[in-house]
């Protein structure tokens, strides 16, 4: 996916954002892209669907105290 392709994505900001730290995600045919909302032209992290599920599973297990 080229840089021009990223501009047309539907970026969604987390409802849990604070003024300093926030991320946005965009779903693509190849998975999920993640970026810092205050740096939209900065680095973007790409996850395929299985990696995104594993990331969320690990994040929720860590922050919510559930099983990983």
C-alpha atoms as a PDB file:
ATOM      1  CA  UNK A   1       0.000   0.000   0.000  1.00  0.00           C
ATOM      2  CA  UNK A   2       1.562   3.277  -1.103  1.00  0.00           C
ATOM      3  CA  UNK A   3       1.531   6.596   0.716  1.00  0.00           C
ATOM      4  CA  UNK A   4      -1.183   7.960  -1.571  1.00  0.00           C
ATOM      5  CA  UNK A   5      -3.404   4.987  -0.730  1.00  0.00           C
ATOM      6  CA  UNK A   6      -3.182   5.812   2.984  1.00  0.00           C
ATOM      7  CA  UNK A   7      -4.694   9.272   2.501  1.00  0.00           C
ATOM      8  CA  UNK A   8      -8.047   7.858   1.428  1.00  0.00           C
ATOM      9  CA  UNK A   9      -8.439   5.542   4.407  1.00  0.00           C
ATOM     10  CA  UNK A  10     -11.229   6.010   6.923  1.00  0.00           C
ATOM     11  CA  UNK A  11      -9.172   6.755  10.056  1.00  0.00           C
ATOM     12  CA  UNK A  12     -11.032   6.356  13.352  1.00  0.00           C
ATOM     13  CA  UNK A  13      -9.863   7.902  16.587  1.00  0.00           C
ATOM     14  CA  UNK A  14     -10.172   6.111  19.896  1.00  0.00           C
ATOM     15  CA  UNK A  15     -12.939   7.349  22.189  1.00  0.00           C
ATOM     16  CA  UNK A  16     -10.457   7.023  25.070  1.00  0.00           C
ATOM     17  CA  UNK A  17      -8.094   9.681  23.689  1.00  0.00           C
ATOM     18  CA  UNK A  18      -6.549  12.354  25.815  1.00  0.00           C
ATOM     19  CA  UNK A  19      -5.033  15.608  24.479  1.00  0.00           C
ATOM     20  CA  UNK A  20      -1.484  14.220  24.389  1.00  0.00           C
ATOM     21  CA  UNK A  21      -1.699  10.517  23.536  1.00  0.00           C
ATOM     22  CA  UNK A  22      -4.074   9.133  20.963  1.00  0.00           C
ATOM     23  CA  UNK A  23      -4.066   6.648  18.114  1.00  0.00           C
ATOM     24  CA  UNK A  24      -6.184   6.210  15.040  1.00  0.00           C
ATOM     25  CA  UNK A  25      -6.915   2.970  13.210  1.00  0.00           C
ATOM     26  CA  UNK A  26      -8.009   2.262   9.654  1.00  0.00           C
ATOM     27  CA  UNK A  27      -9.265  -1.081   8.369  1.00  0.00           C
ATOM     28  CA  UNK A  28      -7.920  -2.131   4.961  1.00  0.00           C
ATOM     29  CA  UNK A  29      -8.300  -5.187   2.760  1.00  0.00           C
ATOM     30  CA  UNK A  30      -4.946  -6.364   4.113  1.00  0.00           C
ATOM     31  CA  UNK A  31      -5.622  -5.773   7.808  1.00  0.00           C
ATOM     32  CA  UNK A  32      -5.385  -2.725  10.067  1.00  0.00           C
ATOM     33  CA  UNK A  33      -3.183   0.379  10.018  1.00  0.00           C
ATOM     34  CA  UNK A  34      -2.398   2.364  13.190  1.00  0.00           C
ATOM     35  CA  UNK A  35      -0.963   5.883  13.524  1.00  0.00           C
ATOM     36  CA  UNK A  36      -0.588   8.636  16.104  1.00  0.00           C
ATOM     37  CA  UNK A  37      -3.431  11.088  15.616  1.00  0.00           C
ATOM     38  CA  UNK A  38      -1.283  14.157  16.294  1.00  0.00           C
ATOM     39  CA  UNK A  39       1.207  12.999  13.606  1.00  0.00           C
ATOM     40  CA  UNK A  40      -0.957  11.809  10.697  1.00  0.00           C
ATOM     41  CA  UNK A  41       1.971  11.969   8.261  1.00  0.00           C
ATOM     42  CA  UNK A  42       4.273  10.092  10.654  1.00  0.00           C
ATOM     43  CA  UNK A  43       4.962   6.384  10.883  1.00  0.00           C
ATOM     44  CA  UNK A  44       2.165   3.896  10.376  1.00  0.00           C
ATOM     45  CA  UNK A  45       2.140   0.413  11.861  1.00  0.00           C
ATOM     46  CA  UNK A  46       0.535  -2.301   9.729  1.00  0.00           C
ATOM     47  CA  UNK A  47      -1.075  -5.446  11.130  1.00  0.00           C
ATOM     48  CA  UNK A  48      -2.539  -8.326   9.167  1.00  0.00           C
ATOM     49  CA  UNK A  49      -5.845  -9.601  10.591  1.00  0.00           C
ATOM     50  CA  UNK A  50      -4.386 -12.435  12.744  1.00  0.00           C
ATOM     51  CA  UNK A  51      -1.672 -10.155  14.173  1.00  0.00           C
ATOM     52  CA  UNK A  52      -4.261  -7.460  15.001  1.00  0.00           C
ATOM     53  CA  UNK A  53      -6.435  -9.982  16.849  1.00  0.00           C
ATOM     54  CA  UNK A  54      -3.422 -11.196  18.813  1.00  0.00           C
ATOM     55  CA  UNK A  55      -2.393  -7.616  19.614  1.00  0.00           C
ATOM     56  CA  UNK A  56      -5.873  -6.794  20.931  1.00  0.00           C
ATOM     57  CA  UNK A  57      -6.005 -10.040  22.890  1.00  0.00           C
ATOM     58  CA  UNK A  58      -2.664  -9.239  24.545  1.00  0.00           C
ATOM     59  CA  UNK A  59      -3.614  -5.599  25.167  1.00  0.00           C
ATOM     60  CA  UNK A  60      -6.957  -6.449  26.751  1.00  0.00           C
ATOM     61  CA  UNK A  61      -5.405  -9.193  28.847  1.00  0.00           C
ATOM     62  CA  UNK A  62      -2.774  -6.788  30.119  1.00  0.00           C
ATOM     63  CA  UNK A  63      -4.914  -3.710  30.739  1.00  0.00           C
ATOM     64  CA  UNK A  64      -8.067  -5.439  31.911  1.00  0.00           C
ATOM     65  CA  UNK A  65      -6.399  -8.148  33.942  1.00  0.00           C
ATOM     66  CA  UNK A  66      -7.897 -10.946  31.891  1.00  0.00           C
ATOM     67  CA  UNK A  67      -6.186 -14.000  30.451  1.00  0.00           C
ATOM     68  CA  UNK A  68      -3.784 -13.396  27.589  1.00  0.00           C
END
